[in-house]
Amino acid sequence: QLCVWYNIQTPDQVTLHEINGNIEDIERLEGRTEVIVAEQLSTAAYLLDEALINFSTALEKRNFFQAADILQDLELSPEAQAMWKRLEQVALEKDDFQVAERCAASLCDVAKARSLHRHH
């Protein structure tokens, strides 16, 4: 199995891919990230979720608006919810109430979103 953690802050949120071989390489070309697996008679490429990778990069660079834009386009899966919560936490730590409000709204926390709206 190939285990991918797109958010190291939530180790319980892991994406699993069934593979039939050994991981040989990770390639990042033209906005795509693939894990290369040597199977019995061939090589297979498993595409990783570029949006989730870009979210982590935006968060590391403290580009909170870009991180929120990336999450906005994702289905609200448990993985995406954990990322919205992480972004909200970091935005609040940096007093970025506008992004924190957007996170709360995306997580359907209306009371928190309204409260944060009053701060900016």
N, C-alpha and C. Protein backbone atom coordinates (compact mmCIF):
# COMPACT_ATOMS: atom_id res chain seq x y z
N GLN A 1 0.83 -1.19 0.00
CA GLN A 1 0.00 0.00 0.00
C GLN A 1 0.87 1.25 0.00
N LEU A 2 0.39 2.25 -0.72
CA LEU A 2 1.02 3.56 -0.72
C LEU A 2 0.19 4.44 0.20
N CYS A 3 0.83 4.97 1.23
CA CYS A 3 0.15 5.84 2.20
C CYS A 3 0.64 7.27 1.97
N VAL A 4 -0.32 8.19 1.83
CA VAL A 4 0.01 9.59 1.58
C VAL A 4 -0.65 10.45 2.64
N TRP A 5 0.17 11.25 3.31
CA TRP A 5 -0.35 12.22 4.27
C TRP A 5 -0.19 13.59 3.62
N TYR A 6 -1.31 14.20 3.26
CA TYR A 6 -1.26 15.53 2.67
C TYR A 6 -1.17 16.61 3.74
N ASN A 7 -1.51 16.26 4.96
CA ASN A 7 -1.49 17.21 6.07
C ASN A 7 -0.83 16.52 7.25
N ILE A 8 0.41 16.87 7.53
CA ILE A 8 1.14 16.19 8.60
C ILE A 8 0.59 16.54 9.98
N GLN A 9 -0.22 17.57 10.06
CA GLN A 9 -0.82 17.95 11.35
C GLN A 9 -1.93 16.98 11.76
N THR A 10 -2.44 16.21 10.81
CA THR A 10 -3.50 15.24 11.10
C THR A 10 -3.07 13.86 10.64
N PRO A 11 -2.23 13.20 11.42
CA PRO A 11 -1.70 11.90 11.00
C PRO A 11 -2.75 10.81 10.85
N ASP A 12 -3.93 11.01 11.43
CA ASP A 12 -5.00 10.01 11.28
C ASP A 12 -5.70 10.13 9.92
N GLN A 13 -5.44 11.21 9.18
CA GLN A 13 -6.04 11.41 7.87
C GLN A 13 -5.02 10.98 6.80
N VAL A 14 -5.12 9.73 6.40
CA VAL A 14 -4.17 9.18 5.43
C VAL A 14 -4.94 8.72 4.19
N THR A 15 -4.35 8.97 3.03
CA THR A 15 -4.92 8.49 1.78
C THR A 15 -4.17 7.23 1.38
N LEU A 16 -4.91 6.16 1.12
CA LEU A 16 -4.30 4.88 0.80
C LEU A 16 -4.51 4.56 -0.68
N HIS A 17 -3.47 4.05 -1.31
CA HIS A 17 -3.53 3.59 -2.70
C HIS A 17 -3.02 2.15 -2.70
N GLU A 18 -3.79 1.26 -3.29
CA GLU A 18 -3.34 -0.11 -3.45
C GLU A 18 -2.32 -0.15 -4.58
N ILE A 19 -1.15 -0.67 -4.30
CA ILE A 19 -0.12 -0.80 -5.33
C ILE A 19 0.34 -2.25 -5.38
N ASN A 20 0.89 -2.62 -6.53
CA ASN A 20 1.38 -3.99 -6.73
C ASN A 20 2.85 -3.96 -7.09
N GLY A 21 3.67 -3.51 -6.17
CA GLY A 21 5.10 -3.44 -6.45
C GLY A 21 5.81 -2.56 -5.44
N ASN A 22 6.99 -2.12 -5.83
CA ASN A 22 7.82 -1.30 -4.95
C ASN A 22 7.93 0.12 -5.50
N ILE A 23 7.91 1.08 -4.60
CA ILE A 23 8.05 2.48 -4.99
C ILE A 23 9.48 2.72 -5.44
N GLU A 24 9.61 3.27 -6.64
CA GLU A 24 10.92 3.55 -7.22
C GLU A 24 11.29 5.02 -7.14
N ASP A 25 10.29 5.90 -7.31
CA ASP A 25 10.61 7.32 -7.42
C ASP A 25 9.35 8.15 -7.22
N ILE A 26 9.54 9.44 -6.98
CA ILE A 26 8.46 10.42 -6.99
C ILE A 26 8.87 11.48 -8.01
N GLU A 27 8.01 11.72 -8.98
CA GLU A 27 8.31 12.69 -10.03
C GLU A 27 7.33 13.85 -9.97
N ARG A 28 7.88 15.04 -10.11
CA ARG A 28 7.05 16.24 -10.15
C ARG A 28 7.37 16.98 -11.44
N LEU A 29 6.43 16.91 -12.38
CA LEU A 29 6.62 17.52 -13.69
C LEU A 29 5.35 18.22 -14.13
N GLU A 30 5.51 19.43 -14.64
CA GLU A 30 4.39 20.18 -15.23
C GLU A 30 3.15 20.22 -14.34
N GLY A 31 3.34 20.49 -13.06
CA GLY A 31 2.20 20.62 -12.15
C GLY A 31 1.56 19.30 -11.75
N ARG A 32 2.25 18.20 -11.97
CA ARG A 32 1.74 16.88 -11.60
C ARG A 32 2.77 16.18 -10.73
N THR A 33 2.31 15.49 -9.71
CA THR A 33 3.19 14.71 -8.86
C THR A 33 2.74 13.26 -8.94
N GLU A 34 3.67 12.40 -9.34
CA GLU A 34 3.37 10.98 -9.49
C GLU A 34 4.36 10.14 -8.71
N VAL A 35 3.85 9.07 -8.14
CA VAL A 35 4.69 8.08 -7.48
C VAL A 35 4.89 6.95 -8.49
N ILE A 36 6.13 6.64 -8.77
CA ILE A 36 6.46 5.62 -9.75
C ILE A 36 6.67 4.29 -9.02
N VAL A 37 5.93 3.28 -9.46
CA VAL A 37 5.98 1.96 -8.81
C VAL A 37 6.43 0.92 -9.83
N ALA A 38 7.45 0.15 -9.46
CA ALA A 38 7.92 -0.95 -10.30
C ALA A 38 7.06 -2.16 -9.97
N GLU A 39 6.25 -2.55 -10.94
CA GLU A 39 5.40 -3.73 -10.77
C GLU A 39 6.11 -4.92 -11.42
N GLN A 40 5.49 -6.06 -11.44
CA GLN A 40 6.15 -7.27 -11.91
C GLN A 40 6.76 -7.12 -13.30
N LEU A 41 5.99 -6.72 -14.28
CA LEU A 41 6.47 -6.64 -15.66
C LEU A 41 6.49 -5.23 -16.23
N SER A 42 6.07 -4.26 -15.44
CA SER A 42 5.98 -2.90 -15.97
C SER A 42 6.18 -1.89 -14.85
N THR A 43 6.03 -0.64 -15.21
CA THR A 43 6.10 0.46 -14.26
C THR A 43 4.76 1.18 -14.28
N ALA A 44 4.26 1.52 -13.11
CA ALA A 44 2.98 2.23 -13.01
C ALA A 44 3.22 3.57 -12.32
N ALA A 45 2.40 4.55 -12.68
CA ALA A 45 2.47 5.87 -12.07
C ALA A 45 1.16 6.14 -11.35
N TYR A 46 1.25 6.56 -10.09
CA TYR A 46 0.09 6.90 -9.29
C TYR A 46 0.10 8.40 -9.06
N LEU A 47 -0.94 9.05 -9.55
CA LEU A 47 -1.05 10.51 -9.48
C LEU A 47 -1.49 10.93 -8.08
N LEU A 48 -0.78 11.88 -7.50
CA LEU A 48 -1.16 12.42 -6.21
C LEU A 48 -2.05 13.65 -6.41
N ASP A 49 -2.76 14.02 -5.37
CA ASP A 49 -3.69 15.15 -5.44
C ASP A 49 -2.92 16.46 -5.36
N GLU A 50 -2.79 17.10 -6.50
CA GLU A 50 -1.99 18.32 -6.59
C GLU A 50 -2.58 19.46 -5.75
N ALA A 51 -3.89 19.54 -5.67
CA ALA A 51 -4.52 20.61 -4.87
C ALA A 51 -4.11 20.49 -3.40
N LEU A 52 -4.09 19.29 -2.88
CA LEU A 52 -3.71 19.11 -1.48
C LEU A 52 -2.22 19.40 -1.26
N ILE A 53 -1.41 19.06 -2.24
CA ILE A 53 0.02 19.39 -2.15
C ILE A 53 0.20 20.91 -2.19
N ASN A 54 -0.51 21.58 -3.09
CA ASN A 54 -0.41 23.04 -3.20
C ASN A 54 -0.92 23.74 -1.95
N PHE A 55 -1.94 23.17 -1.31
CA PHE A 55 -2.44 23.73 -0.06
C PHE A 55 -1.34 23.75 0.98
N SER A 56 -0.67 22.64 1.15
CA SER A 56 0.41 22.56 2.15
C SER A 56 1.51 23.56 1.86
N THR A 57 1.84 23.73 0.59
CA THR A 57 2.86 24.70 0.20
C THR A 57 2.41 26.12 0.52
N ALA A 58 1.17 26.45 0.19
CA ALA A 58 0.64 27.79 0.49
C ALA A 58 0.63 28.05 1.99
N LEU A 59 0.27 27.05 2.76
CA LEU A 59 0.23 27.21 4.22
C LEU A 59 1.64 27.45 4.77
N GLU A 60 2.61 26.69 4.28
CA GLU A 60 4.00 26.88 4.72
C GLU A 60 4.50 28.28 4.41
N LYS A 61 4.08 28.83 3.27
CA LYS A 61 4.51 30.16 2.85
C LYS A 61 3.66 31.26 3.47
N ARG A 62 2.68 30.87 4.31
CA ARG A 62 1.78 31.81 4.98
C ARG A 62 0.93 32.59 4.00
N ASN A 63 0.64 31.98 2.85
CA ASN A 63 -0.24 32.60 1.87
C ASN A 63 -1.64 32.03 2.12
N PHE A 64 -2.30 32.60 3.13
CA PHE A 64 -3.57 32.05 3.61
C PHE A 64 -4.70 32.20 2.59
N PHE A 65 -4.72 33.30 1.85
CA PHE A 65 -5.77 33.48 0.83
C PHE A 65 -5.66 32.40 -0.24
N GLN A 66 -4.43 32.12 -0.69
CA GLN A 66 -4.23 31.09 -1.70
C GLN A 66 -4.63 29.72 -1.15
N ALA A 67 -4.28 29.44 0.10
CA ALA A 67 -4.64 28.17 0.72
C ALA A 67 -6.16 28.01 0.76
N ALA A 68 -6.87 29.07 1.12
CA ALA A 68 -8.34 29.02 1.16
C ALA A 68 -8.92 28.83 -0.23
N ASP A 69 -8.34 29.51 -1.22
CA ASP A 69 -8.81 29.35 -2.60
C ASP A 69 -8.67 27.91 -3.07
N ILE A 70 -7.58 27.27 -2.71
CA ILE A 70 -7.35 25.87 -3.09
C ILE A 70 -8.40 24.97 -2.43
N LEU A 71 -8.64 25.19 -1.14
CA LEU A 71 -9.60 24.36 -0.42
C LEU A 71 -11.02 24.58 -0.92
N GLN A 72 -11.33 25.79 -1.35
CA GLN A 72 -12.69 26.12 -1.79
C GLN A 72 -13.15 25.22 -2.93
N ASP A 73 -12.21 24.80 -3.76
CA ASP A 73 -12.55 23.97 -4.92
C ASP A 73 -12.66 22.48 -4.60
N LEU A 74 -12.34 22.09 -3.37
CA LEU A 74 -12.36 20.67 -3.01
C LEU A 74 -13.70 20.27 -2.42
N GLU A 75 -14.02 19.01 -2.61
CA GLU A 75 -15.19 18.43 -1.94
C GLU A 75 -14.91 18.44 -0.43
N LEU A 76 -15.93 18.64 0.38
CA LEU A 76 -15.72 18.74 1.83
C LEU A 76 -15.60 17.33 2.44
N SER A 77 -14.49 16.68 2.15
CA SER A 77 -14.18 15.35 2.68
C SER A 77 -13.59 15.51 4.08
N PRO A 78 -13.44 14.44 4.83
CA PRO A 78 -12.79 14.54 6.15
C PRO A 78 -11.38 15.15 6.05
N GLU A 79 -10.66 14.81 5.00
CA GLU A 79 -9.33 15.37 4.78
C GLU A 79 -9.40 16.88 4.58
N ALA A 80 -10.33 17.33 3.73
CA ALA A 80 -10.49 18.76 3.47
C ALA A 80 -10.96 19.49 4.72
N GLN A 81 -11.86 18.90 5.49
CA GLN A 81 -12.31 19.52 6.74
C GLN A 81 -11.14 19.73 7.69
N ALA A 82 -10.27 18.73 7.80
CA ALA A 82 -9.10 18.87 8.67
C ALA A 82 -8.20 20.00 8.19
N MET A 83 -8.11 20.17 6.90
CA MET A 83 -7.28 21.24 6.35
C MET A 83 -7.91 22.61 6.59
N TRP A 84 -9.24 22.71 6.44
CA TRP A 84 -9.93 23.97 6.78
C TRP A 84 -9.68 24.31 8.25
N LYS A 85 -9.76 23.32 9.12
CA LYS A 85 -9.53 23.57 10.56
C LYS A 85 -8.11 24.02 10.82
N ARG A 86 -7.16 23.39 10.14
CA ARG A 86 -5.75 23.78 10.30
C ARG A 86 -5.53 25.21 9.81
N LEU A 87 -6.10 25.53 8.66
CA LEU A 87 -5.96 26.89 8.13
C LEU A 87 -6.59 27.90 9.07
N GLU A 88 -7.75 27.58 9.61
CA GLU A 88 -8.42 28.47 10.55
C GLU A 88 -7.53 28.71 11.78
N GLN A 89 -6.95 27.64 12.29
CA GLN A 89 -6.08 27.75 13.47
C GLN A 89 -4.88 28.65 13.20
N VAL A 90 -4.22 28.44 12.07
CA VAL A 90 -3.04 29.23 11.73
C VAL A 90 -3.44 30.68 11.46
N ALA A 91 -4.55 30.90 10.77
CA ALA A 91 -5.01 32.26 10.49
C ALA A 91 -5.31 33.01 11.79
N LEU A 92 -5.94 32.33 12.73
CA LEU A 92 -6.23 32.97 14.02
C LEU A 92 -4.94 33.30 14.77
N GLU A 93 -3.96 32.42 14.71
CA GLU A 93 -2.68 32.68 15.36
C GLU A 93 -2.00 33.92 14.79
N LYS A 94 -2.24 34.19 13.51
CA LYS A 94 -1.64 35.35 12.84
C LYS A 94 -2.60 36.54 12.76
N ASP A 95 -3.72 36.45 13.49
CA ASP A 95 -4.73 37.52 13.51
C ASP A 95 -5.28 37.85 12.12
N ASP A 96 -5.37 36.84 11.27
CA ASP A 96 -5.97 37.02 9.95
C ASP A 96 -7.44 36.60 10.07
N PHE A 97 -8.25 37.52 10.57
CA PHE A 97 -9.65 37.21 10.87
C PHE A 97 -10.49 36.97 9.62
N GLN A 98 -10.11 37.61 8.51
CA GLN A 98 -10.87 37.43 7.28
C GLN A 98 -10.76 35.98 6.78
N VAL A 99 -9.56 35.43 6.77
CA VAL A 99 -9.39 34.05 6.34
C VAL A 99 -10.00 33.10 7.37
N ALA A 100 -9.84 33.39 8.65
CA ALA A 100 -10.43 32.55 9.69
C ALA A 100 -11.95 32.51 9.55
N GLU A 101 -12.54 33.66 9.21
CA GLU A 101 -14.00 33.70 9.00
C GLU A 101 -14.40 32.82 7.81
N ARG A 102 -13.63 32.90 6.76
CA ARG A 102 -13.91 32.08 5.58
C ARG A 102 -13.82 30.58 5.92
N CYS A 103 -12.85 30.23 6.75
CA CYS A 103 -12.70 28.84 7.18
C CYS A 103 -13.91 28.39 7.99
N ALA A 104 -14.31 29.21 8.95
CA ALA A 104 -15.46 28.87 9.79
C ALA A 104 -16.71 28.71 8.94
N ALA A 105 -16.90 29.60 7.98
CA ALA A 105 -18.07 29.50 7.10
C ALA A 105 -18.03 28.21 6.28
N SER A 106 -16.86 27.85 5.79
CA SER A 106 -16.72 26.62 4.99
C SER A 106 -16.97 25.38 5.83
N LEU A 107 -16.72 25.48 7.12
CA LEU A 107 -16.96 24.37 8.03
C LEU A 107 -18.37 24.42 8.63
N CYS A 108 -19.19 25.35 8.12
CA CYS A 108 -20.59 25.51 8.55
C CYS A 108 -20.72 25.93 10.01
N ASP A 109 -19.71 26.62 10.53
CA ASP A 109 -19.75 27.14 11.89
C ASP A 109 -20.19 28.60 11.81
N VAL A 110 -21.49 28.79 11.68
CA VAL A 110 -22.05 30.12 11.44
C VAL A 110 -21.76 31.07 12.59
N ALA A 111 -21.90 30.60 13.82
CA ALA A 111 -21.67 31.48 14.97
C ALA A 111 -20.23 31.99 15.00
N LYS A 112 -19.28 31.12 14.74
CA LYS A 112 -17.89 31.54 14.74
C LYS A 112 -17.61 32.48 13.57
N ALA A 113 -18.19 32.20 12.41
CA ALA A 113 -17.99 33.06 11.25
C ALA A 113 -18.51 34.46 11.53
N ARG A 114 -19.68 34.56 12.15
CA ARG A 114 -20.24 35.88 12.47
C ARG A 114 -19.36 36.62 13.49
N SER A 115 -18.89 35.88 14.48
CA SER A 115 -18.03 36.49 15.49
C SER A 115 -16.75 37.02 14.86
N LEU A 116 -16.15 36.24 13.99
CA LEU A 116 -14.92 36.66 13.33
C LEU A 116 -15.16 37.83 12.38
N HIS A 117 -16.33 37.88 11.78
CA HIS A 117 -16.66 38.98 10.86
C HIS A 117 -16.61 40.32 11.58
N ARG A 118 -16.96 40.32 12.84
CA ARG A 118 -16.97 41.56 13.63
C ARG A 118 -15.56 42.07 13.91
N HIS A 119 -14.55 41.20 13.77
CA HIS A 119 -13.16 41.58 14.08
C HIS A 119 -12.44 42.26 12.93
N HIS A 120 -13.04 42.25 11.76
CA HIS A 120 -12.32 42.91 10.64
C HIS A 120 -13.21 43.86 9.90
